[in-house]
N, C-alpha and C. Protein backbone atom coordinates (compact mmCIF):
# COMPACT_ATOMS: atom_id res chain seq x y z
N MET A 1 -0.94 22.90 -18.18
CA MET A 1 -0.55 22.15 -17.00
C MET A 1 -1.15 20.75 -17.10
N SER A 2 -0.36 19.75 -16.82
CA SER A 2 -0.85 18.37 -16.92
C SER A 2 -1.65 18.01 -15.67
N ASP A 3 -2.57 17.09 -15.88
CA ASP A 3 -3.43 16.63 -14.78
C ASP A 3 -2.82 15.35 -14.22
N VAL A 4 -1.98 15.48 -13.22
CA VAL A 4 -1.29 14.34 -12.63
C VAL A 4 -1.93 14.02 -11.29
N GLY A 5 -2.33 12.77 -11.11
CA GLY A 5 -2.96 12.35 -9.87
C GLY A 5 -2.00 12.36 -8.70
N THR A 6 -2.54 12.38 -7.51
CA THR A 6 -1.74 12.40 -6.29
C THR A 6 -0.79 11.21 -6.22
N TYR A 7 -1.23 10.06 -6.72
CA TYR A 7 -0.42 8.86 -6.59
C TYR A 7 0.54 8.66 -7.77
N ASN A 8 0.51 9.56 -8.75
CA ASN A 8 1.36 9.40 -9.92
C ASN A 8 2.48 10.42 -9.99
N LYS A 9 2.39 11.52 -9.29
CA LYS A 9 3.40 12.56 -9.35
C LYS A 9 4.62 12.12 -8.58
N LEU A 10 5.79 12.34 -9.19
CA LEU A 10 7.04 11.99 -8.54
C LEU A 10 7.59 13.20 -7.81
N TYR A 11 7.99 13.02 -6.56
CA TYR A 11 8.56 14.08 -5.76
C TYR A 11 9.96 13.66 -5.33
N SER A 12 10.87 14.61 -5.28
CA SER A 12 12.19 14.32 -4.72
C SER A 12 12.05 14.38 -3.20
N LEU A 13 13.05 13.85 -2.50
CA LEU A 13 12.98 13.89 -1.04
C LEU A 13 12.97 15.32 -0.52
N SER A 14 13.70 16.22 -1.18
CA SER A 14 13.69 17.62 -0.74
C SER A 14 12.32 18.25 -0.97
N GLU A 15 11.63 17.88 -2.07
CA GLU A 15 10.28 18.38 -2.31
C GLU A 15 9.32 17.87 -1.24
N ILE A 16 9.47 16.62 -0.86
CA ILE A 16 8.62 16.05 0.18
C ILE A 16 8.85 16.78 1.51
N ASP A 17 10.13 17.03 1.82
CA ASP A 17 10.44 17.78 3.04
C ASP A 17 9.80 19.15 3.01
N GLU A 18 9.86 19.81 1.85
CA GLU A 18 9.26 21.15 1.71
C GLU A 18 7.74 21.09 1.86
N ILE A 19 7.12 20.07 1.26
CA ILE A 19 5.67 19.90 1.39
C ILE A 19 5.29 19.73 2.86
N ILE A 20 6.06 18.90 3.55
CA ILE A 20 5.79 18.66 4.97
C ILE A 20 5.92 19.96 5.76
N LYS A 21 6.96 20.75 5.49
CA LYS A 21 7.17 22.01 6.21
C LYS A 21 6.08 23.04 5.93
N THR A 22 5.59 23.07 4.70
CA THR A 22 4.65 24.12 4.31
C THR A 22 3.19 23.69 4.40
N GLN A 23 2.94 22.49 4.84
CA GLN A 23 1.55 22.02 4.96
C GLN A 23 0.79 22.88 5.96
N LYS A 24 -0.39 23.31 5.55
CA LYS A 24 -1.25 24.02 6.49
C LYS A 24 -1.85 23.02 7.46
N GLU A 25 -2.14 21.83 6.94
CA GLU A 25 -2.65 20.75 7.78
C GLU A 25 -1.47 20.07 8.46
N GLU A 26 -1.65 19.73 9.66
CA GLU A 26 -0.61 19.00 10.38
C GLU A 26 -0.59 17.55 9.91
N ILE A 27 0.60 17.03 9.67
CA ILE A 27 0.72 15.62 9.31
C ILE A 27 0.79 14.84 10.62
N ARG A 28 -0.26 14.11 10.86
CA ARG A 28 -0.38 13.37 12.13
C ARG A 28 0.15 11.95 12.01
N PHE A 29 0.12 11.40 10.79
CA PHE A 29 0.52 10.00 10.61
C PHE A 29 1.52 9.88 9.47
N THR A 30 2.54 9.08 9.70
CA THR A 30 3.58 8.86 8.71
C THR A 30 3.31 7.57 7.93
N ILE A 31 4.13 7.33 6.93
CA ILE A 31 4.06 6.07 6.19
C ILE A 31 4.28 4.91 7.15
N GLY A 32 5.22 5.09 8.07
CA GLY A 32 5.49 4.05 9.07
C GLY A 32 4.27 3.75 9.92
N ASP A 33 3.53 4.78 10.28
CA ASP A 33 2.30 4.57 11.05
C ASP A 33 1.31 3.72 10.26
N VAL A 34 1.17 3.99 8.97
CA VAL A 34 0.23 3.23 8.14
C VAL A 34 0.65 1.76 8.09
N VAL A 35 1.94 1.48 7.92
CA VAL A 35 2.43 0.10 7.90
C VAL A 35 2.12 -0.57 9.24
N LEU A 36 2.39 0.14 10.32
CA LEU A 36 2.13 -0.43 11.66
C LEU A 36 0.63 -0.60 11.91
N PHE A 37 -0.19 0.33 11.43
CA PHE A 37 -1.65 0.19 11.56
C PHE A 37 -2.11 -1.09 10.88
N LEU A 38 -1.61 -1.34 9.68
CA LEU A 38 -2.00 -2.55 8.93
C LEU A 38 -1.66 -3.81 9.72
N LEU A 39 -0.46 -3.83 10.28
CA LEU A 39 -0.02 -5.01 11.02
C LEU A 39 -0.75 -5.14 12.36
N TYR A 40 -1.07 -4.02 12.99
CA TYR A 40 -1.75 -4.05 14.28
C TYR A 40 -3.22 -4.44 14.13
N ALA A 41 -3.84 -4.03 13.03
CA ALA A 41 -5.27 -4.28 12.81
C ALA A 41 -5.59 -5.77 12.75
N ASP A 42 -4.64 -6.55 12.28
CA ASP A 42 -4.82 -8.00 12.16
C ASP A 42 -3.54 -8.62 12.68
N ASN A 43 -3.62 -9.43 13.70
CA ASN A 43 -2.41 -9.97 14.32
C ASN A 43 -1.58 -10.87 13.41
N GLU A 44 -2.12 -11.17 12.24
CA GLU A 44 -1.39 -12.01 11.29
C GLU A 44 -0.34 -11.18 10.56
N PRO A 45 0.83 -11.77 10.29
CA PRO A 45 1.83 -11.04 9.50
C PRO A 45 1.38 -10.92 8.04
N ILE A 46 2.00 -10.02 7.32
CA ILE A 46 1.76 -9.91 5.88
C ILE A 46 2.73 -10.84 5.20
N LYS A 47 2.20 -11.76 4.41
CA LYS A 47 3.02 -12.79 3.78
C LYS A 47 3.19 -12.48 2.30
N GLY A 48 4.44 -12.25 1.90
CA GLY A 48 4.75 -11.99 0.50
C GLY A 48 5.13 -10.54 0.26
N LYS A 49 6.19 -10.35 -0.50
CA LYS A 49 6.71 -9.02 -0.80
C LYS A 49 5.72 -8.20 -1.63
N ILE A 50 5.13 -8.82 -2.64
CA ILE A 50 4.18 -8.10 -3.50
C ILE A 50 2.95 -7.72 -2.68
N ARG A 51 2.46 -8.64 -1.88
CA ARG A 51 1.27 -8.38 -1.05
C ARG A 51 1.54 -7.22 -0.09
N GLN A 52 2.71 -7.18 0.50
CA GLN A 52 3.04 -6.12 1.45
C GLN A 52 2.91 -4.74 0.77
N MET A 53 3.49 -4.59 -0.41
CA MET A 53 3.42 -3.30 -1.10
C MET A 53 1.98 -2.98 -1.53
N LYS A 54 1.27 -3.99 -1.99
CA LYS A 54 -0.10 -3.76 -2.44
C LYS A 54 -1.02 -3.39 -1.28
N GLU A 55 -0.84 -4.00 -0.12
CA GLU A 55 -1.68 -3.68 1.03
C GLU A 55 -1.42 -2.26 1.52
N VAL A 56 -0.18 -1.81 1.50
CA VAL A 56 0.12 -0.43 1.89
C VAL A 56 -0.51 0.52 0.87
N PHE A 57 -0.37 0.21 -0.40
CA PHE A 57 -0.97 1.03 -1.46
C PHE A 57 -2.48 1.11 -1.27
N LEU A 58 -3.11 -0.02 -1.08
CA LEU A 58 -4.57 -0.06 -0.92
C LEU A 58 -5.02 0.68 0.34
N ALA A 59 -4.23 0.61 1.39
CA ALA A 59 -4.57 1.34 2.62
C ALA A 59 -4.63 2.84 2.34
N PHE A 60 -3.63 3.35 1.59
CA PHE A 60 -3.64 4.77 1.26
C PHE A 60 -4.79 5.13 0.32
N LYS A 61 -5.12 4.25 -0.60
CA LYS A 61 -6.17 4.53 -1.58
C LYS A 61 -7.57 4.35 -1.01
N GLU A 62 -7.79 3.34 -0.20
CA GLU A 62 -9.15 2.97 0.19
C GLU A 62 -9.54 3.31 1.62
N ILE A 63 -8.58 3.43 2.50
CA ILE A 63 -8.93 3.58 3.92
C ILE A 63 -8.60 4.96 4.46
N PHE A 64 -7.37 5.40 4.24
CA PHE A 64 -6.93 6.63 4.88
C PHE A 64 -7.19 7.86 4.01
N PRO A 65 -7.78 8.86 4.61
CA PRO A 65 -7.96 10.12 3.87
C PRO A 65 -6.60 10.77 3.67
N ALA A 66 -6.45 11.54 2.61
CA ALA A 66 -5.17 12.19 2.32
C ALA A 66 -4.82 13.22 3.41
N LYS A 67 -5.82 13.78 4.02
CA LYS A 67 -5.63 14.81 5.03
C LYS A 67 -4.99 14.22 6.28
N GLY A 68 -3.89 14.82 6.72
CA GLY A 68 -3.25 14.39 7.96
C GLY A 68 -2.24 13.27 7.80
N PHE A 69 -2.06 12.78 6.57
CA PHE A 69 -1.11 11.69 6.34
C PHE A 69 0.05 12.17 5.49
N GLN A 70 1.22 11.63 5.78
CA GLN A 70 2.41 11.95 4.99
C GLN A 70 2.17 11.57 3.53
N PRO A 71 2.48 12.46 2.59
CA PRO A 71 2.28 12.09 1.19
C PRO A 71 3.22 10.95 0.78
N VAL A 72 2.73 10.09 -0.08
CA VAL A 72 3.54 8.97 -0.56
C VAL A 72 3.32 8.85 -2.07
N VAL A 73 4.39 8.52 -2.76
CA VAL A 73 4.34 8.40 -4.21
C VAL A 73 4.45 6.93 -4.58
N PHE A 74 3.51 6.46 -5.39
CA PHE A 74 3.57 5.10 -5.92
C PHE A 74 3.83 5.19 -7.42
N GLU A 75 4.87 4.50 -7.85
CA GLU A 75 5.24 4.49 -9.27
C GLU A 75 4.58 3.30 -9.96
N LYS A 76 4.44 3.42 -11.27
CA LYS A 76 3.91 2.32 -12.08
C LYS A 76 5.10 1.41 -12.42
N ARG A 77 5.12 0.24 -11.81
CA ARG A 77 6.23 -0.69 -12.02
C ARG A 77 5.72 -1.98 -12.65
N GLN A 78 6.63 -2.95 -12.79
CA GLN A 78 6.29 -4.19 -13.50
C GLN A 78 5.22 -5.03 -12.81
N PHE A 79 5.04 -4.89 -11.51
CA PHE A 79 3.98 -5.60 -10.80
C PHE A 79 3.01 -4.62 -10.14
N GLY A 80 2.83 -3.46 -10.77
CA GLY A 80 1.88 -2.48 -10.28
C GLY A 80 2.50 -1.44 -9.40
N PRO A 81 1.71 -0.87 -8.48
CA PRO A 81 2.18 0.24 -7.65
C PRO A 81 3.37 -0.17 -6.78
N TYR A 82 4.38 0.71 -6.77
CA TYR A 82 5.58 0.47 -5.97
C TYR A 82 6.06 1.81 -5.44
N SER A 83 6.54 1.83 -4.21
CA SER A 83 7.06 3.05 -3.61
C SER A 83 8.39 2.78 -2.91
N GLU A 84 9.41 3.50 -3.34
CA GLU A 84 10.71 3.39 -2.66
C GLU A 84 10.61 3.93 -1.24
N GLU A 85 9.73 4.93 -1.04
CA GLU A 85 9.53 5.49 0.30
C GLU A 85 8.99 4.43 1.26
N VAL A 86 8.06 3.62 0.77
CA VAL A 86 7.50 2.55 1.61
C VAL A 86 8.60 1.52 1.91
N GLU A 87 9.38 1.16 0.90
CA GLU A 87 10.50 0.21 1.10
C GLU A 87 11.45 0.73 2.17
N HIS A 88 11.84 1.99 2.02
CA HIS A 88 12.78 2.60 2.97
C HIS A 88 12.17 2.66 4.38
N THR A 89 10.90 2.99 4.45
CA THR A 89 10.22 3.06 5.74
C THR A 89 10.22 1.71 6.44
N ILE A 90 9.95 0.65 5.68
CA ILE A 90 9.94 -0.70 6.27
C ILE A 90 11.33 -1.08 6.74
N GLU A 91 12.36 -0.70 5.99
CA GLU A 91 13.74 -0.95 6.44
C GLU A 91 14.00 -0.23 7.76
N GLN A 92 13.54 1.03 7.88
CA GLN A 92 13.73 1.79 9.11
C GLN A 92 12.94 1.18 10.27
N LEU A 93 11.73 0.72 10.00
CA LEU A 93 10.93 0.07 11.04
C LEU A 93 11.60 -1.22 11.52
N THR A 94 12.23 -1.92 10.59
CA THR A 94 12.97 -3.14 10.94
C THR A 94 14.17 -2.80 11.80
N PHE A 95 14.92 -1.77 11.38
CA PHE A 95 16.10 -1.33 12.13
C PHE A 95 15.72 -0.89 13.54
N SER A 96 14.57 -0.24 13.67
CA SER A 96 14.10 0.24 14.98
C SER A 96 13.42 -0.85 15.80
N ASN A 97 13.33 -2.05 15.24
CA ASN A 97 12.73 -3.20 15.90
C ASN A 97 11.22 -3.05 16.12
N TYR A 98 10.54 -2.31 15.23
CA TYR A 98 9.08 -2.22 15.27
C TYR A 98 8.44 -3.32 14.45
N VAL A 99 9.14 -3.76 13.41
CA VAL A 99 8.68 -4.89 12.60
C VAL A 99 9.83 -5.86 12.43
N GLU A 100 9.47 -7.08 12.11
CA GLU A 100 10.46 -8.12 11.88
C GLU A 100 10.21 -8.71 10.49
N ILE A 101 11.31 -8.91 9.77
CA ILE A 101 11.23 -9.54 8.45
C ILE A 101 11.80 -10.93 8.57
N GLN A 102 11.05 -11.89 8.06
CA GLN A 102 11.52 -13.27 8.03
C GLN A 102 11.51 -13.74 6.57
N GLY A 103 12.42 -14.62 6.24
CA GLY A 103 12.47 -15.15 4.88
C GLY A 103 13.23 -14.24 3.94
N ASN A 104 13.25 -14.67 2.70
CA ASN A 104 13.98 -13.97 1.64
C ASN A 104 13.04 -13.01 0.92
N LYS A 105 13.48 -11.76 0.71
CA LYS A 105 12.64 -10.76 0.04
C LYS A 105 12.27 -11.18 -1.38
N GLN A 106 13.08 -11.99 -2.02
CA GLN A 106 12.83 -12.39 -3.40
C GLN A 106 12.07 -13.71 -3.51
N SER A 107 11.52 -14.20 -2.43
CA SER A 107 10.81 -15.48 -2.51
C SER A 107 9.42 -15.36 -1.88
N ASN A 108 8.64 -16.41 -2.02
CA ASN A 108 7.28 -16.41 -1.49
C ASN A 108 7.24 -16.62 0.02
N ASP A 109 8.38 -16.93 0.65
CA ASP A 109 8.36 -17.15 2.10
C ASP A 109 8.63 -15.87 2.89
N PHE A 110 8.61 -14.73 2.23
CA PHE A 110 8.81 -13.43 2.89
C PHE A 110 7.64 -13.14 3.84
N ILE A 111 7.98 -12.72 5.06
CA ILE A 111 6.95 -12.41 6.07
C ILE A 111 7.33 -11.10 6.76
N LEU A 112 6.35 -10.22 6.90
CA LEU A 112 6.52 -8.96 7.63
C LEU A 112 5.59 -9.01 8.82
N LYS A 113 6.16 -8.95 10.03
CA LYS A 113 5.30 -9.03 11.21
C LYS A 113 5.66 -7.97 12.24
N LEU A 114 4.68 -7.64 13.03
CA LEU A 114 4.79 -6.63 14.07
C LEU A 114 5.51 -7.23 15.28
N THR A 115 6.44 -6.49 15.84
CA THR A 115 7.12 -6.94 17.06
C THR A 115 6.35 -6.40 18.27
N PRO A 116 6.62 -6.92 19.46
CA PRO A 116 5.97 -6.36 20.65
C PRO A 116 6.27 -4.87 20.83
N LYS A 117 7.50 -4.45 20.49
CA LYS A 117 7.86 -3.04 20.59
C LYS A 117 7.01 -2.20 19.62
N GLY A 118 6.82 -2.72 18.41
CA GLY A 118 6.00 -2.03 17.41
C GLY A 118 4.55 -1.94 17.84
N ALA A 119 4.04 -3.03 18.41
CA ALA A 119 2.64 -3.06 18.88
C ALA A 119 2.45 -2.05 20.01
N SER A 120 3.40 -1.99 20.92
CA SER A 120 3.32 -1.05 22.04
C SER A 120 3.35 0.39 21.53
N PHE A 121 4.19 0.65 20.52
CA PHE A 121 4.33 1.98 19.96
C PHE A 121 3.04 2.44 19.26
N ILE A 122 2.42 1.58 18.47
CA ILE A 122 1.30 1.99 17.61
C ILE A 122 -0.06 1.84 18.28
N LYS A 123 -0.13 1.12 19.38
CA LYS A 123 -1.42 0.83 20.03
C LYS A 123 -2.24 2.09 20.31
N GLN A 124 -1.66 3.09 20.95
CA GLN A 124 -2.41 4.29 21.32
C GLN A 124 -2.85 5.08 20.09
N LYS A 125 -2.00 5.15 19.08
CA LYS A 125 -2.39 5.85 17.84
C LYS A 125 -3.55 5.12 17.17
N PHE A 126 -3.51 3.80 17.20
CA PHE A 126 -4.58 3.00 16.59
C PHE A 126 -5.89 3.22 17.34
N VAL A 127 -5.83 3.19 18.66
CA VAL A 127 -7.02 3.38 19.48
C VAL A 127 -7.63 4.77 19.25
N ASN A 128 -6.79 5.76 18.94
CA ASN A 128 -7.27 7.12 18.71
C ASN A 128 -7.81 7.35 17.29
N LEU A 129 -7.64 6.37 16.41
CA LEU A 129 -8.23 6.48 15.08
C LEU A 129 -9.75 6.41 15.20
N PRO A 130 -10.47 7.06 14.29
CA PRO A 130 -11.93 6.91 14.32
C PRO A 130 -12.31 5.43 14.20
N LYS A 131 -13.37 5.04 14.88
CA LYS A 131 -13.83 3.65 14.90
C LYS A 131 -14.06 3.13 13.48
N LYS A 132 -14.57 3.98 12.61
CA LYS A 132 -14.84 3.61 11.22
C LYS A 132 -13.54 3.17 10.51
N ILE A 133 -12.45 3.88 10.76
CA ILE A 133 -11.17 3.54 10.14
C ILE A 133 -10.60 2.27 10.77
N GLN A 134 -10.71 2.13 12.08
CA GLN A 134 -10.25 0.90 12.74
C GLN A 134 -10.95 -0.32 12.15
N ASP A 135 -12.29 -0.23 12.03
CA ASP A 135 -13.07 -1.34 11.50
C ASP A 135 -12.71 -1.62 10.04
N ALA A 136 -12.52 -0.56 9.25
CA ALA A 136 -12.15 -0.73 7.85
C ALA A 136 -10.80 -1.41 7.72
N LEU A 137 -9.85 -1.03 8.57
CA LEU A 137 -8.53 -1.66 8.55
C LEU A 137 -8.63 -3.16 8.84
N LYS A 138 -9.38 -3.50 9.86
CA LYS A 138 -9.52 -4.91 10.23
C LYS A 138 -10.20 -5.70 9.11
N GLN A 139 -11.28 -5.15 8.57
CA GLN A 139 -12.04 -5.83 7.53
C GLN A 139 -11.23 -5.97 6.24
N LYS A 140 -10.56 -4.88 5.84
CA LYS A 140 -9.78 -4.91 4.59
C LYS A 140 -8.56 -5.82 4.71
N ARG A 141 -7.88 -5.79 5.85
CA ARG A 141 -6.73 -6.69 6.04
C ARG A 141 -7.16 -8.15 5.88
N GLU A 142 -8.29 -8.50 6.49
CA GLU A 142 -8.80 -9.86 6.38
C GLU A 142 -9.13 -10.19 4.91
N GLU A 143 -9.77 -9.25 4.23
CA GLU A 143 -10.11 -9.45 2.82
C GLU A 143 -8.86 -9.59 1.96
N TRP A 144 -7.92 -8.66 2.10
CA TRP A 144 -6.71 -8.68 1.27
C TRP A 144 -5.87 -9.92 1.55
N ASP A 145 -5.80 -10.34 2.80
CA ASP A 145 -5.02 -11.53 3.15
C ASP A 145 -5.64 -12.81 2.60
N SER A 146 -6.94 -12.77 2.31
CA SER A 146 -7.60 -13.96 1.78
C SER A 146 -7.28 -14.20 0.30
N PHE A 147 -6.79 -13.16 -0.38
CA PHE A 147 -6.43 -13.32 -1.79
C PHE A 147 -5.15 -14.12 -1.96
N ILE A 148 -5.08 -14.92 -3.03
CA ILE A 148 -3.80 -15.51 -3.41
C ILE A 148 -2.99 -14.37 -4.02
N PRO A 149 -1.65 -14.51 -4.16
CA PRO A 149 -0.85 -13.38 -4.68
C PRO A 149 -1.37 -12.78 -5.99
N SER A 150 -1.77 -13.62 -6.93
CA SER A 150 -2.28 -13.06 -8.20
C SER A 150 -3.64 -12.39 -7.98
N GLY A 151 -4.36 -12.79 -6.95
CA GLY A 151 -5.67 -12.20 -6.66
C GLY A 151 -5.55 -10.77 -6.16
N ILE A 152 -4.57 -10.50 -5.30
CA ILE A 152 -4.43 -9.13 -4.81
C ILE A 152 -3.93 -8.22 -5.93
N ILE A 153 -3.09 -8.76 -6.81
CA ILE A 153 -2.64 -7.97 -7.97
C ILE A 153 -3.84 -7.65 -8.86
N HIS A 154 -4.66 -8.65 -9.09
CA HIS A 154 -5.86 -8.46 -9.91
C HIS A 154 -6.76 -7.40 -9.27
N TYR A 155 -6.98 -7.47 -7.97
CA TYR A 155 -7.80 -6.50 -7.25
C TYR A 155 -7.25 -5.08 -7.44
N VAL A 156 -5.94 -4.92 -7.31
CA VAL A 156 -5.33 -3.60 -7.47
C VAL A 156 -5.55 -3.09 -8.89
N TYR A 157 -5.31 -3.94 -9.89
CA TYR A 157 -5.43 -3.50 -11.29
C TYR A 157 -6.88 -3.20 -11.68
N ILE A 158 -7.82 -3.96 -11.19
CA ILE A 158 -9.22 -3.73 -11.53
C ILE A 158 -9.67 -2.36 -11.02
N HIS A 159 -9.21 -1.98 -9.83
CA HIS A 159 -9.64 -0.72 -9.23
C HIS A 159 -8.69 0.45 -9.52
N ASN A 160 -7.53 0.17 -10.10
CA ASN A 160 -6.52 1.21 -10.37
C ASN A 160 -5.84 0.91 -11.70
N GLU A 161 -6.59 0.96 -12.78
CA GLU A 161 -6.11 0.57 -14.11
C GLU A 161 -4.87 1.33 -14.55
N GLU A 162 -4.68 2.55 -14.06
CA GLU A 162 -3.53 3.33 -14.49
C GLU A 162 -2.21 2.65 -14.16
N PHE A 163 -2.19 1.74 -13.20
CA PHE A 163 -0.96 1.05 -12.82
C PHE A 163 -0.64 -0.14 -13.72
N LEU A 164 -1.51 -0.42 -14.68
CA LEU A 164 -1.23 -1.48 -15.66
C LEU A 164 -0.20 -1.05 -16.70
N GLU A 165 -0.01 0.25 -16.84
CA GLU A 165 0.81 0.82 -17.90
C GLU A 165 2.17 0.13 -18.08
N ASN A 166 2.95 -0.03 -17.03
CA ASN A 166 4.29 -0.62 -17.11
C ASN A 166 4.32 -2.07 -16.63
N SER A 167 3.18 -2.63 -16.39
CA SER A 167 3.10 -3.96 -15.81
C SER A 167 3.44 -5.06 -16.84
N VAL A 168 4.17 -6.06 -16.38
CA VAL A 168 4.45 -7.22 -17.22
C VAL A 168 3.20 -8.08 -17.35
N LEU A 169 2.21 -7.80 -16.54
CA LEU A 169 0.97 -8.58 -16.52
C LEU A 169 -0.20 -7.86 -17.17
N LYS A 170 0.06 -6.76 -17.89
CA LYS A 170 -1.05 -5.92 -18.37
C LYS A 170 -2.02 -6.65 -19.28
N ASN A 171 -1.57 -7.59 -20.09
CA ASN A 171 -2.49 -8.31 -20.97
C ASN A 171 -3.38 -9.28 -20.19
N ARG A 172 -2.89 -9.76 -19.08
CA ARG A 172 -3.65 -10.70 -18.27
C ARG A 172 -4.80 -10.02 -17.53
N TYR A 173 -4.61 -8.75 -17.16
CA TYR A 173 -5.60 -8.08 -16.32
C TYR A 173 -6.36 -6.96 -17.01
N ARG A 174 -6.20 -6.78 -18.30
CA ARG A 174 -6.92 -5.69 -18.96
C ARG A 174 -8.42 -5.99 -18.99
N LYS A 175 -9.19 -4.92 -18.98
CA LYS A 175 -10.63 -5.08 -19.03
C LYS A 175 -11.07 -5.39 -20.45
N ILE A 176 -12.13 -6.15 -20.56
CA ILE A 176 -12.68 -6.48 -21.88
C ILE A 176 -13.63 -5.36 -22.29
N ASP A 177 -13.43 -4.88 -23.51
CA ASP A 177 -14.33 -3.89 -24.09
C ASP A 177 -15.38 -4.68 -24.87
N TRP A 178 -16.58 -4.80 -24.32
CA TRP A 178 -17.62 -5.64 -24.91
C TRP A 178 -18.14 -5.08 -26.23
N THR A 179 -17.82 -3.82 -26.53
CA THR A 179 -18.24 -3.24 -27.81
C THR A 179 -17.22 -3.53 -28.91
N ASN A 180 -16.04 -4.01 -28.54
CA ASN A 180 -15.00 -4.34 -29.52
C ASN A 180 -15.09 -5.84 -29.82
N GLU A 181 -15.52 -6.17 -31.04
CA GLU A 181 -15.74 -7.60 -31.35
C GLU A 181 -14.44 -8.42 -31.36
N ASN A 182 -13.28 -7.78 -31.41
CA ASN A 182 -12.00 -8.52 -31.32
C ASN A 182 -11.71 -8.97 -29.89
N GLN A 183 -12.33 -8.32 -28.91
CA GLN A 183 -12.10 -8.70 -27.52
C GLN A 183 -13.19 -9.60 -26.96
N VAL A 184 -14.32 -9.63 -27.58
CA VAL A 184 -15.44 -10.45 -27.10
C VAL A 184 -15.15 -11.92 -27.41
N PRO A 185 -15.30 -12.80 -26.44
CA PRO A 185 -15.06 -14.22 -26.69
C PRO A 185 -15.99 -14.77 -27.79
N LYS A 186 -15.41 -15.60 -28.62
CA LYS A 186 -16.18 -16.22 -29.70
C LYS A 186 -16.96 -17.41 -29.16
N LYS A 187 -18.08 -17.71 -29.81
CA LYS A 187 -18.92 -18.86 -29.39
C LYS A 187 -18.28 -20.16 -29.79
């Protein structure tokens, strides 16, 4: 049996539905909730398509425990972790008027922001989160938003090297092996 991490295993939608039905633990929060938590924690919108995906990925990896949250699969893509489920969820949140998208998805002027309806919907769930998670969300959003686009990608790759595999940027962000004299900078 192969040792596949939680974030690397691919599930079909029917498998995800089955997992949700057979979970002994109740799933209290969906992918949509996580997106709304991120936007609610910091009143600033998320600027940039790559940043949006990376912040959702980092929220699942660094802030939210796996217990009680809808499972999500992140694939190794050309710019690191990517999830079609997250993309679809954001489209549904937009359709439901919980979030608003401004700008072009393929450009740097892309903005994802919380609408008043979305804020009203997620407020009580956010308030019911443990204080430690609320504070972590606020602190991490501020930290992640301070990075330039290449900075957040670098942060993701440094802490999640497995996502470098299919990346077009893998040579730029690989770690230096100081014991390999071919990688050590020359004087």
